[in-house]
């Protein structure tokens, strides 16, 4: 099971990113463990300047934007 983290304090874009990741995973039959990281100190360990951030398999793959569904699928596979 692939570990995915959504970094963000709970803003609208952070929620939208989480929903997009869940939608793409479900549509493509991907088994994910999605963790929401809302603690500012934990978010800062990833050295991002803007949220939301997306971490896949302990690697920061996007920050400060919501990637397209196609890009999310590419990042998850």
N, C-alpha and C. Protein backbone atom coordinates (compact mmCIF):
# COMPACT_ATOMS: atom_id res chain seq x y z
N UNK A 1 0.85 -1.18 0.00
CA UNK A 1 0.00 0.00 0.00
C UNK A 1 0.89 1.24 0.00
N UNK A 2 0.59 2.15 -0.89
CA UNK A 2 1.38 3.36 -1.05
C UNK A 2 0.96 4.40 -0.01
N UNK A 3 1.96 4.99 0.66
CA UNK A 3 1.70 6.03 1.66
C UNK A 3 1.73 7.39 0.99
N UNK A 4 0.66 8.16 1.19
CA UNK A 4 0.52 9.50 0.62
C UNK A 4 0.18 10.47 1.75
N UNK A 5 0.84 11.61 1.75
CA UNK A 5 0.55 12.64 2.75
C UNK A 5 0.07 13.90 2.03
N UNK A 6 -1.00 14.49 2.54
CA UNK A 6 -1.48 15.78 2.07
C UNK A 6 -1.11 16.79 3.15
N UNK A 7 -0.25 17.73 2.80
CA UNK A 7 0.23 18.72 3.75
C UNK A 7 -0.60 19.99 3.65
N UNK A 8 -1.17 20.41 4.76
CA UNK A 8 -1.94 21.64 4.77
C UNK A 8 -2.78 21.76 6.02
N UNK A 9 -3.04 22.98 6.42
CA UNK A 9 -3.74 23.25 7.68
C UNK A 9 -5.25 23.08 7.59
N UNK A 10 -5.76 22.76 6.41
CA UNK A 10 -7.20 22.57 6.28
C UNK A 10 -7.88 23.60 5.41
N UNK A 11 -7.11 24.32 4.61
CA UNK A 11 -7.69 25.32 3.71
C UNK A 11 -8.48 24.61 2.60
N UNK A 12 -9.21 25.37 1.84
CA UNK A 12 -10.03 24.81 0.76
C UNK A 12 -9.19 24.05 -0.26
N UNK A 13 -8.03 24.58 -0.62
CA UNK A 13 -7.18 23.89 -1.59
C UNK A 13 -6.62 22.59 -1.04
N UNK A 14 -6.33 22.56 0.24
CA UNK A 14 -5.84 21.33 0.88
C UNK A 14 -6.91 20.25 0.83
N UNK A 15 -8.13 20.62 1.12
CA UNK A 15 -9.24 19.68 1.08
C UNK A 15 -9.50 19.21 -0.34
N UNK A 16 -9.39 20.12 -1.30
CA UNK A 16 -9.61 19.77 -2.70
C UNK A 16 -8.54 18.80 -3.20
N UNK A 17 -7.28 19.01 -2.77
CA UNK A 17 -6.21 18.10 -3.16
C UNK A 17 -6.47 16.70 -2.60
N UNK A 18 -6.86 16.62 -1.35
CA UNK A 18 -7.16 15.32 -0.76
C UNK A 18 -8.29 14.63 -1.52
N UNK A 19 -9.34 15.35 -1.84
CA UNK A 19 -10.46 14.78 -2.59
C UNK A 19 -10.01 14.30 -3.96
N UNK A 20 -9.17 15.07 -4.62
CA UNK A 20 -8.67 14.68 -5.94
C UNK A 20 -7.84 13.40 -5.87
N UNK A 21 -6.97 13.31 -4.87
CA UNK A 21 -6.15 12.11 -4.70
C UNK A 21 -7.04 10.89 -4.45
N UNK A 22 -8.03 11.04 -3.58
CA UNK A 22 -8.94 9.92 -3.30
C UNK A 22 -9.73 9.52 -4.56
N UNK A 23 -10.20 10.51 -5.32
CA UNK A 23 -10.97 10.23 -6.53
C UNK A 23 -10.13 9.49 -7.56
N UNK A 24 -8.91 9.95 -7.79
CA UNK A 24 -8.03 9.32 -8.77
C UNK A 24 -7.67 7.90 -8.33
N UNK A 25 -7.39 7.72 -7.05
CA UNK A 25 -7.04 6.39 -6.55
C UNK A 25 -8.21 5.42 -6.70
N UNK A 26 -9.40 5.88 -6.36
CA UNK A 26 -10.58 5.02 -6.47
C UNK A 26 -10.88 4.68 -7.92
N UNK A 27 -10.79 5.65 -8.80
CA UNK A 27 -11.10 5.43 -10.21
C UNK A 27 -10.13 4.48 -10.88
N UNK A 28 -8.91 4.39 -10.34
CA UNK A 28 -7.89 3.56 -10.95
C UNK A 28 -7.52 2.34 -10.13
N UNK A 29 -8.28 2.08 -9.07
CA UNK A 29 -8.06 0.89 -8.25
C UNK A 29 -6.74 0.87 -7.51
N UNK A 30 -6.27 2.04 -7.09
CA UNK A 30 -5.01 2.13 -6.36
C UNK A 30 -5.25 2.05 -4.86
N UNK A 31 -4.46 1.25 -4.18
CA UNK A 31 -4.56 1.13 -2.72
C UNK A 31 -3.61 2.14 -2.09
N UNK A 32 -4.18 3.12 -1.41
CA UNK A 32 -3.39 4.18 -0.78
C UNK A 32 -3.67 4.27 0.70
N UNK A 33 -2.68 4.68 1.43
CA UNK A 33 -2.85 5.09 2.82
C UNK A 33 -2.65 6.60 2.81
N UNK A 34 -3.75 7.35 2.96
CA UNK A 34 -3.69 8.81 2.88
C UNK A 34 -3.67 9.40 4.29
N UNK A 35 -2.65 10.21 4.53
CA UNK A 35 -2.49 10.86 5.83
C UNK A 35 -2.60 12.37 5.63
N UNK A 36 -3.44 13.01 6.41
CA UNK A 36 -3.55 14.47 6.39
C UNK A 36 -2.61 15.03 7.45
N UNK A 37 -1.70 15.87 7.05
CA UNK A 37 -0.75 16.48 7.99
C UNK A 37 -1.16 17.94 8.14
N UNK A 38 -1.69 18.29 9.31
CA UNK A 38 -2.16 19.65 9.55
C UNK A 38 -1.29 20.42 10.54
N UNK A 39 -0.39 19.73 11.22
CA UNK A 39 0.48 20.37 12.19
C UNK A 39 1.56 21.19 11.47
N UNK A 40 1.61 22.48 11.76
CA UNK A 40 2.53 23.39 11.06
C UNK A 40 3.98 22.95 11.20
N UNK A 41 4.37 22.49 12.38
CA UNK A 41 5.76 22.06 12.60
C UNK A 41 6.10 20.86 11.71
N UNK A 42 5.18 19.94 11.57
CA UNK A 42 5.42 18.78 10.70
C UNK A 42 5.47 19.20 9.23
N UNK A 43 4.58 20.11 8.85
CA UNK A 43 4.56 20.59 7.47
C UNK A 43 5.91 21.24 7.12
N UNK A 44 6.45 22.01 8.04
CA UNK A 44 7.70 22.72 7.79
C UNK A 44 8.89 21.78 7.64
N UNK A 45 8.80 20.55 8.13
CA UNK A 45 9.91 19.61 7.94
C UNK A 45 10.10 19.25 6.47
N UNK A 46 9.08 19.51 5.65
CA UNK A 46 9.16 19.23 4.22
C UNK A 46 9.67 20.44 3.43
N UNK A 47 9.98 21.54 4.11
CA UNK A 47 10.54 22.74 3.48
C UNK A 47 9.70 23.25 2.31
N UNK A 48 8.40 23.40 2.54
CA UNK A 48 7.54 23.99 1.51
C UNK A 48 7.16 25.40 1.92
N UNK A 49 6.98 26.26 0.93
CA UNK A 49 6.62 27.64 1.20
C UNK A 49 5.12 27.87 1.14
N UNK A 50 4.42 27.04 0.36
CA UNK A 50 2.97 27.18 0.22
C UNK A 50 2.32 25.81 0.28
N UNK A 51 1.13 25.78 0.86
CA UNK A 51 0.35 24.56 0.86
C UNK A 51 -0.71 24.68 -0.23
N UNK A 52 -1.27 23.61 -0.68
CA UNK A 52 -1.10 22.25 -0.19
C UNK A 52 0.16 21.61 -0.75
N UNK A 53 0.63 20.62 -0.02
CA UNK A 53 1.76 19.83 -0.48
C UNK A 53 1.32 18.37 -0.62
N UNK A 54 1.96 17.67 -1.52
CA UNK A 54 1.66 16.25 -1.72
C UNK A 54 2.95 15.47 -1.61
N UNK A 55 2.94 14.49 -0.72
CA UNK A 55 4.10 13.63 -0.48
C UNK A 55 3.70 12.22 -0.86
N UNK A 56 4.46 11.61 -1.74
CA UNK A 56 4.21 10.23 -2.17
C UNK A 56 5.45 9.41 -1.84
N UNK A 57 5.25 8.35 -1.05
CA UNK A 57 6.36 7.47 -0.66
C UNK A 57 7.52 8.28 -0.06
N UNK A 58 7.19 9.17 0.86
CA UNK A 58 8.15 10.01 1.57
C UNK A 58 8.97 10.94 0.67
N UNK A 59 8.40 11.31 -0.48
CA UNK A 59 9.05 12.27 -1.36
C UNK A 59 8.06 13.37 -1.70
N UNK A 60 8.44 14.62 -1.45
CA UNK A 60 7.59 15.76 -1.80
C UNK A 60 7.52 15.86 -3.32
N UNK A 61 6.29 15.78 -3.87
CA UNK A 61 6.15 15.79 -5.33
C UNK A 61 5.50 17.07 -5.86
N UNK A 62 4.67 17.73 -5.05
CA UNK A 62 4.10 19.02 -5.45
C UNK A 62 3.90 19.87 -4.21
N UNK A 63 3.91 21.19 -4.42
CA UNK A 63 3.65 22.13 -3.33
C UNK A 63 3.09 23.42 -3.90
N UNK A 64 2.11 23.99 -3.19
CA UNK A 64 1.57 25.28 -3.57
C UNK A 64 0.58 25.28 -4.70
N UNK A 65 0.12 24.09 -5.12
CA UNK A 65 -0.84 24.01 -6.21
C UNK A 65 -1.58 22.68 -6.16
N UNK A 66 -2.64 22.61 -6.95
CA UNK A 66 -3.39 21.36 -7.06
C UNK A 66 -3.11 20.79 -8.45
N UNK A 67 -2.41 19.66 -8.51
CA UNK A 67 -2.12 19.08 -9.81
C UNK A 67 -3.37 18.52 -10.47
N UNK A 68 -3.33 18.37 -11.78
CA UNK A 68 -4.46 17.78 -12.51
C UNK A 68 -4.60 16.31 -12.14
N UNK A 69 -5.76 15.75 -12.44
CA UNK A 69 -5.98 14.33 -12.17
C UNK A 69 -4.97 13.47 -12.92
N UNK A 70 -4.65 13.84 -14.13
CA UNK A 70 -3.66 13.09 -14.92
C UNK A 70 -2.29 13.11 -14.24
N UNK A 71 -1.90 14.26 -13.73
CA UNK A 71 -0.60 14.36 -13.04
C UNK A 71 -0.63 13.58 -11.74
N UNK A 72 -1.74 13.65 -11.01
CA UNK A 72 -1.85 12.88 -9.76
C UNK A 72 -1.68 11.40 -10.06
N UNK A 73 -2.35 10.90 -11.09
CA UNK A 73 -2.22 9.49 -11.45
C UNK A 73 -0.78 9.14 -11.78
N UNK A 74 -0.12 9.99 -12.54
CA UNK A 74 1.30 9.74 -12.88
C UNK A 74 2.16 9.70 -11.62
N UNK A 75 1.90 10.59 -10.66
CA UNK A 75 2.69 10.64 -9.43
C UNK A 75 2.44 9.43 -8.53
N UNK A 76 1.25 8.87 -8.62
CA UNK A 76 0.90 7.74 -7.77
C UNK A 76 1.32 6.39 -8.34
N UNK A 77 1.65 6.37 -9.63
CA UNK A 77 2.00 5.06 -10.25
C UNK A 77 3.46 5.00 -10.63
